[in-house]
Amino acid sequence: MAKEFASRADMTAKTISFTEIGRDIYAFTAEGDPNTGVVIGDDGVMVVDAQATPVMAQQVVEKIRTVTDKPIKYVMLSHYHAVRVLGASGYGAEQIIASEVCRAMISERGKEDWESEFERFPRLFQAADSIPGLTWPTMTFKDKMTVWLGKRRVDLMHLGRAHTAGDAVALVPDAGVMLTGDIVEYKSACYCGDAHFHDWPGTLDAIQRFAPEAIAPGRGDALAGRAIVEEALALTRDFVSSTYRPVAKVAARGGSLKDAWDACRAECDPKFSSYAIYEHCLPFNVARAYDEALGIDTPRIWTAARDRDMWAQLQG
């Protein structure tokens, strides 16, 4: 029997956790499904990453309402992927904030990404018909902007390319907490289909220089304490380098995408096969690593048709 494409067969519901990782800062996590961060200030709330549909966003709102009745003023998008942005309307926020590059990527490839991600992983799009359309930021920044939630400061920063070209993080200085989106994962596979492998380690270094006491990662458990933060940074760095290194060697000798797939599995399976969404991510990771090794700097746009063609090459 042919293997099911990506995560189409994954219909298992996940257990949600809502963990305080700093004073009035929470991580909404779900066993490897996309996380959402919540920062509560004096006069309002910022949500970091929106979930995939407005109906799914209500699960986050319900958790927020267990700890505060302050208005949700801001939604910050760490990057452009559909599972992170399409639920933004569900919060009724005054402003939706993203990096300039993130907004440009929504314009360039948002529709294709939405269709592609829905085909890959339909469980993550509960009540997909509640999505009103592409999410458009109302405010953007190039490198950095500061948002004040009353007296609480939140620094939004583009520290470099990594998971995508437009990744942004949110730092809450008074608590030493950073919300990183998918730049950092914890015992969950990094999705690298739109990544910049050469830049990602440097962006992790930039995060490390802030010495955060806690991190809300893109996927995986909330990270409270320097020891587990450092572990997550190291694991993410190892995952990215272990994916790219064997693929680059195959590309350098003129090997095929299937050869690269086999080489990557040989190196990564022993270390990472137990990680959440590992099997889902691997084909896309290999394809992007192969392209980057061949000198393609800007990731090619994923479409449902390209997904299937890539899958056929690897399964053949």
Protein backbone atom coordinates (compact mmCIF):
# COMPACT_ATOMS: atom_id res chain seq x y z
CA MET A 1 0.00 0.00 0.00
CA ALA A 2 1.32 3.48 -0.91
CA LYS A 3 2.20 5.66 2.04
CA GLU A 4 -0.31 8.45 2.73
CA PHE A 5 0.94 11.87 1.63
CA ALA A 6 2.36 14.10 4.37
CA SER A 7 -0.04 14.13 7.37
CA ARG A 8 -3.37 13.55 5.65
CA ALA A 9 -3.94 10.45 7.80
CA ASP A 10 -3.18 12.21 11.10
CA MET A 11 -6.56 12.79 12.70
CA THR A 12 -5.56 12.26 16.35
CA ALA A 13 -6.63 15.10 18.63
CA LYS A 14 -3.93 16.61 20.83
CA THR A 15 -4.05 17.60 24.50
CA ILE A 16 -3.82 21.37 24.97
CA SER A 17 -1.68 22.96 27.69
CA PHE A 18 -1.63 26.60 28.78
CA THR A 19 1.57 27.20 30.69
CA GLU A 20 2.78 30.37 32.39
CA ILE A 21 6.45 30.81 31.47
CA GLY A 22 6.94 34.28 32.95
CA ARG A 23 4.80 36.78 34.82
CA ASP A 24 1.57 37.00 32.81
CA ILE A 25 3.15 35.33 29.77
CA TYR A 26 1.71 32.03 28.55
CA ALA A 27 2.41 29.34 25.97
CA PHE A 28 -0.57 27.58 24.39
CA THR A 29 0.83 24.20 23.30
CA ALA A 30 -0.65 20.99 21.92
CA GLU A 31 1.82 18.09 21.73
CA GLY A 32 3.67 19.24 18.63
CA ASP A 33 0.84 21.10 16.93
CA PRO A 34 1.43 24.83 16.30
CA ASN A 35 1.87 26.88 19.48
CA THR A 36 0.53 30.33 20.31
CA GLY A 37 2.09 32.79 22.76
CA VAL A 38 0.18 35.20 24.99
CA VAL A 39 1.58 38.35 26.63
CA ILE A 40 -0.64 40.20 29.14
CA GLY A 41 0.16 43.82 29.89
CA ASP A 42 -1.44 46.51 32.01
CA ASP A 43 -4.09 47.48 29.50
CA GLY A 44 -4.29 44.67 26.99
CA VAL A 45 -3.07 41.41 25.51
CA MET A 46 -0.77 40.48 22.63
CA VAL A 47 -1.17 37.11 20.91
CA VAL A 48 1.83 35.71 19.03
CA ASP A 49 0.74 33.43 16.16
CA ALA A 50 -2.92 32.99 15.48
CA GLN A 51 -3.67 29.29 14.76
CA ALA A 52 -5.04 28.19 11.39
CA THR A 53 -8.73 29.16 11.60
CA PRO A 54 -10.86 31.63 13.58
CA VAL A 55 -12.66 28.71 15.21
CA MET A 56 -9.34 27.28 16.42
CA ALA A 57 -8.36 30.74 17.64
CA GLN A 58 -11.33 30.57 20.00
CA GLN A 59 -9.58 27.75 21.87
CA VAL A 60 -6.79 30.22 22.64
CA VAL A 61 -9.25 32.95 23.57
CA GLU A 62 -10.96 30.58 26.00
CA LYS A 63 -7.64 29.95 27.74
CA ILE A 64 -6.85 33.66 27.83
CA ARG A 65 -10.18 34.36 29.48
CA THR A 66 -9.29 32.02 32.33
CA VAL A 67 -6.50 34.42 33.37
CA THR A 68 -7.57 37.91 32.21
CA ASP A 69 -10.50 39.90 30.89
CA LYS A 70 -8.28 42.55 29.26
CA PRO A 71 -8.87 43.20 25.57
CA ILE A 72 -6.77 41.44 22.94
CA LYS A 73 -5.20 44.44 21.24
CA TYR A 74 -2.50 42.90 19.06
CA VAL A 75 -1.84 39.75 17.07
CA MET A 76 1.81 39.37 16.04
CA LEU A 77 2.62 36.96 13.22
CA SER A 78 6.03 35.31 13.54
CA HIS A 79 5.93 34.37 9.84
CA TYR A 80 3.55 33.85 6.92
CA HIS A 81 2.59 30.15 7.06
CA ALA A 82 -1.12 29.42 6.90
CA VAL A 83 -1.28 27.48 10.18
CA ARG A 84 0.09 30.57 11.94
CA VAL A 85 -1.90 33.37 10.37
CA LEU A 86 -5.30 32.40 8.98
CA GLY A 87 -7.04 32.43 12.36
CA ALA A 88 -6.11 36.03 13.14
CA SER A 89 -9.61 37.42 12.62
CA GLY A 90 -10.84 35.28 15.51
CA TYR A 91 -9.21 37.55 18.10
CA GLY A 92 -10.86 40.82 17.14
CA ALA A 93 -7.53 42.58 17.66
CA GLU A 94 -6.98 46.27 16.90
CA GLN A 95 -3.77 45.58 14.99
CA ILE A 96 -2.10 42.65 13.25
CA ILE A 97 1.68 43.06 13.18
CA ALA A 98 4.35 41.31 11.10
CA SER A 99 7.73 41.98 9.58
CA GLU A 100 7.81 43.70 6.21
CA VAL A 101 9.20 40.53 4.66
CA CYS A 102 6.42 38.44 6.18
CA ARG A 103 3.80 40.69 4.59
CA ALA A 104 5.59 40.51 1.26
CA MET A 105 5.59 36.73 1.45
CA ILE A 106 1.86 36.66 2.16
CA SER A 107 1.40 38.69 -1.01
CA GLU A 108 3.80 36.55 -3.02
CA ARG A 109 2.82 33.05 -1.89
CA GLY A 110 0.14 33.17 0.79
CA LYS A 111 -2.66 31.72 -1.32
CA GLU A 112 -0.49 28.87 -2.61
CA ASP A 113 0.77 28.11 0.89
CA TRP A 114 -2.78 27.99 2.26
CA GLU A 115 -3.86 25.47 -0.38
CA SER A 116 -0.69 23.42 0.04
CA GLU A 117 -0.84 23.27 3.85
CA PHE A 118 -4.52 22.36 3.87
CA GLU A 119 -3.85 19.41 1.56
CA ARG A 120 -0.90 18.27 3.65
CA PHE A 121 -2.46 18.43 7.12
CA PRO A 122 -6.25 18.90 7.13
CA ARG A 123 -6.63 18.26 10.88
CA LEU A 124 -4.87 21.56 11.60
CA PHE A 125 -7.62 23.45 9.73
CA GLN A 126 -10.67 22.74 11.86
CA ALA A 127 -13.70 24.62 10.53
CA ALA A 128 -11.73 25.78 7.49
CA ASP A 129 -14.84 27.47 6.15
CA SER A 130 -14.54 30.04 8.97
CA ILE A 131 -11.41 31.53 7.36
CA PRO A 132 -12.42 34.84 5.75
CA GLY A 133 -9.40 34.99 3.42
CA LEU A 134 -5.72 35.78 3.61
CA THR A 135 -4.58 37.59 6.75
CA TRP A 136 -3.09 41.00 6.00
CA PRO A 137 -0.96 42.77 8.63
CA THR A 138 -2.11 46.28 9.50
CA MET A 139 1.33 47.27 10.84
CA THR A 140 4.79 46.15 9.69
CA PHE A 141 8.38 46.73 10.71
CA LYS A 142 11.73 46.21 9.03
CA ASP A 143 14.09 45.22 11.84
CA LYS A 144 12.47 46.16 15.14
CA MET A 145 9.50 47.85 16.74
CA THR A 146 8.36 48.28 20.32
CA VAL A 147 4.78 47.83 21.46
CA TRP A 148 3.67 49.04 24.88
CA LEU A 149 0.95 47.17 26.73
CA GLY A 150 0.52 49.91 29.29
CA LYS A 151 3.87 49.92 31.09
CA ARG A 152 4.88 46.51 29.73
CA ARG A 153 7.31 46.66 26.84
CA VAL A 154 7.34 44.08 24.03
CA ASP A 155 10.14 44.26 21.46
CA LEU A 156 9.34 42.73 18.08
CA MET A 157 12.47 41.89 16.09
CA HIS A 158 13.55 40.39 12.80
CA LEU A 159 16.87 38.80 13.81
CA GLY A 160 17.64 37.07 10.53
CA ARG A 161 16.41 34.42 8.12
CA ALA A 162 15.76 30.95 9.50
CA HIS A 163 12.47 29.03 9.22
CA THR A 164 11.46 31.61 6.59
CA ALA A 165 12.95 34.84 5.28
CA GLY A 166 10.57 36.97 7.35
CA ASP A 167 10.75 35.39 10.81
CA ALA A 168 10.12 37.65 13.80
CA VAL A 169 10.39 37.13 17.55
CA ALA A 170 8.78 38.90 20.50
CA LEU A 171 10.89 39.70 23.57
CA VAL A 172 9.38 40.75 26.89
CA PRO A 173 12.38 42.33 28.65
CA ASP A 174 10.88 42.66 32.14
CA ALA A 175 10.47 38.87 32.28
CA GLY A 176 13.37 37.73 30.10
CA VAL A 177 10.90 35.77 27.96
CA MET A 178 11.05 35.35 24.18
CA LEU A 179 8.38 34.02 21.84
CA THR A 180 10.26 32.66 18.85
CA GLY A 181 7.80 31.11 16.45
CA ASP A 182 9.31 28.24 14.49
CA ILE A 183 12.89 29.49 14.69
CA VAL A 184 13.10 27.31 17.81
CA GLU A 185 11.38 23.95 18.32
CA TYR A 186 11.54 21.55 21.24
CA LYS A 187 11.63 17.85 20.41
CA SER A 188 9.47 18.55 17.39
CA ALA A 189 10.81 18.45 13.86
CA CYS A 190 11.72 21.75 12.26
CA TYR A 191 9.78 22.37 9.06
CA CYS A 192 12.44 23.57 6.61
CA GLY A 193 10.52 23.69 3.35
CA ASP A 194 10.92 27.49 3.16
CA ALA A 195 14.09 27.70 5.22
CA HIS A 196 17.47 29.32 4.85
CA PHE A 197 19.80 26.65 6.20
CA HIS A 198 22.96 28.74 6.06
CA ASP A 199 21.37 31.62 7.98
CA TRP A 200 19.38 29.69 10.57
CA PRO A 201 22.29 28.94 12.97
CA GLY A 202 23.24 32.63 13.05
CA THR A 203 19.67 33.56 13.92
CA LEU A 204 19.74 31.02 16.75
CA ASP A 205 22.98 32.65 17.93
CA ALA A 206 21.21 36.03 17.96
CA ILE A 207 18.45 34.58 20.16
CA GLN A 208 21.03 33.00 22.45
CA ARG A 209 22.76 36.35 22.99
CA PHE A 210 19.60 37.64 24.66
CA ALA A 211 19.98 34.81 27.21
CA PRO A 212 16.22 34.31 27.61
CA GLU A 213 15.01 32.75 30.83
CA ALA A 214 12.07 31.16 29.03
CA ILE A 215 10.90 30.60 25.47
CA ALA A 216 7.58 29.84 23.85
CA PRO A 217 8.78 27.80 20.83
CA GLY A 218 6.89 27.25 17.61
CA ARG A 219 6.15 23.63 18.45
CA GLY A 220 6.81 21.46 21.47
CA ASP A 221 6.64 22.11 25.19
CA ALA A 222 6.88 25.52 26.81
CA LEU A 223 10.46 26.16 27.91
CA ALA A 224 10.97 27.69 31.36
CA GLY A 225 14.50 27.88 32.76
CA ARG A 226 17.89 28.52 31.16
CA ALA A 227 18.84 24.84 31.04
CA ILE A 228 15.89 23.77 28.89
CA VAL A 229 16.17 26.92 26.76
CA GLU A 230 19.79 26.07 25.97
CA GLU A 231 18.81 22.47 25.25
CA ALA A 232 16.13 23.59 22.79
CA LEU A 233 18.55 25.91 20.99
CA ALA A 234 21.11 23.11 20.71
CA LEU A 235 18.56 20.57 19.49
CA THR A 236 17.20 22.97 16.89
CA ARG A 237 20.70 23.78 15.67
CA ASP A 238 21.53 20.06 15.43
CA PHE A 239 18.34 19.30 13.54
CA VAL A 240 18.99 22.00 10.95
CA SER A 241 22.64 21.08 10.39
CA SER A 242 21.98 17.34 10.38
CA THR A 243 19.32 17.83 7.70
CA TYR A 244 21.39 20.04 5.43
CA ARG A 245 24.82 18.40 5.69
CA PRO A 246 24.08 15.00 4.06
CA VAL A 247 21.83 16.55 1.41
CA ALA A 248 24.52 19.07 0.43
CA LYS A 249 27.05 16.26 -0.01
CA VAL A 250 24.69 14.44 -2.38
CA ALA A 251 23.96 17.60 -4.35
CA ALA A 252 27.68 18.36 -4.66
CA ARG A 253 28.33 15.04 -6.35
CA GLY A 254 25.37 15.35 -8.70
CA GLY A 255 23.12 12.89 -6.91
CA SER A 256 19.34 12.87 -7.25
CA LEU A 257 16.68 14.16 -4.86
CA LYS A 258 15.96 10.52 -3.96
CA ASP A 259 19.65 10.01 -3.15
CA ALA A 260 19.50 13.08 -0.91
CA TRP A 261 16.40 11.68 0.81
CA ASP A 262 18.17 8.41 1.56
CA ALA A 263 21.27 10.20 2.87
CA CYS A 264 19.24 12.51 5.09
CA ARG A 265 17.27 9.62 6.54
CA ALA A 266 20.47 7.75 7.34
CA GLU A 267 21.73 10.67 9.40
CA CYS A 268 18.52 12.03 10.90
CA ASP A 269 16.35 8.97 11.61
CA PRO A 270 18.50 7.71 14.51
CA LYS A 271 18.33 11.09 16.24
CA PHE A 272 14.99 12.59 15.35
CA SER A 273 12.50 9.94 14.22
CA SER A 274 10.64 10.17 17.55
CA TYR A 275 10.05 13.92 17.13
CA ALA A 276 6.55 15.20 16.44
CA ILE A 277 5.77 15.71 12.71
CA TYR A 278 9.17 14.29 11.71
CA GLU A 279 7.80 12.18 8.86
CA HIS A 280 5.61 15.06 7.75
CA CYS A 281 8.51 17.53 7.53
CA LEU A 282 11.24 15.36 6.09
CA PRO A 283 10.28 15.37 2.38
CA PHE A 284 9.91 19.15 2.31
CA ASN A 285 13.12 19.60 4.31
CA VAL A 286 15.13 17.46 1.90
CA ALA A 287 13.71 19.23 -1.15
CA ARG A 288 14.57 22.69 0.20
CA ALA A 289 18.04 21.62 1.40
CA TYR A 290 18.73 20.16 -2.04
CA ASP A 291 17.70 23.42 -3.71
CA GLU A 292 19.80 25.55 -1.37
CA ALA A 293 22.81 23.31 -1.90
CA LEU A 294 22.38 23.91 -5.64
CA GLY A 295 22.48 27.67 -5.06
CA ILE A 296 18.75 28.47 -5.06
CA ASP A 297 18.60 31.19 -2.40
CA THR A 298 14.90 32.05 -2.51
CA PRO A 299 12.77 29.01 -1.65
CA ARG A 300 10.53 27.92 -4.49
CA ILE A 301 6.83 28.37 -3.84
CA TRP A 302 5.09 25.22 -2.65
CA THR A 303 1.84 24.40 -4.40
CA ALA A 304 -0.41 21.38 -4.04
CA ALA A 305 0.83 20.19 -7.44
CA ARG A 306 4.50 20.63 -6.53
CA ASP A 307 3.91 18.80 -3.24
CA ARG A 308 2.53 15.77 -5.07
CA ASP A 309 5.31 15.76 -7.66
CA MET A 310 7.98 15.88 -4.95
CA TRP A 311 6.23 13.12 -3.02
CA ALA A 312 6.10 10.92 -6.12
CA GLN A 313 9.84 11.37 -6.71
CA LEU A 314 10.70 10.36 -3.18
CA GLN A 315 8.29 7.45 -2.96
CA GLY A 316 9.31 6.12 -6.37
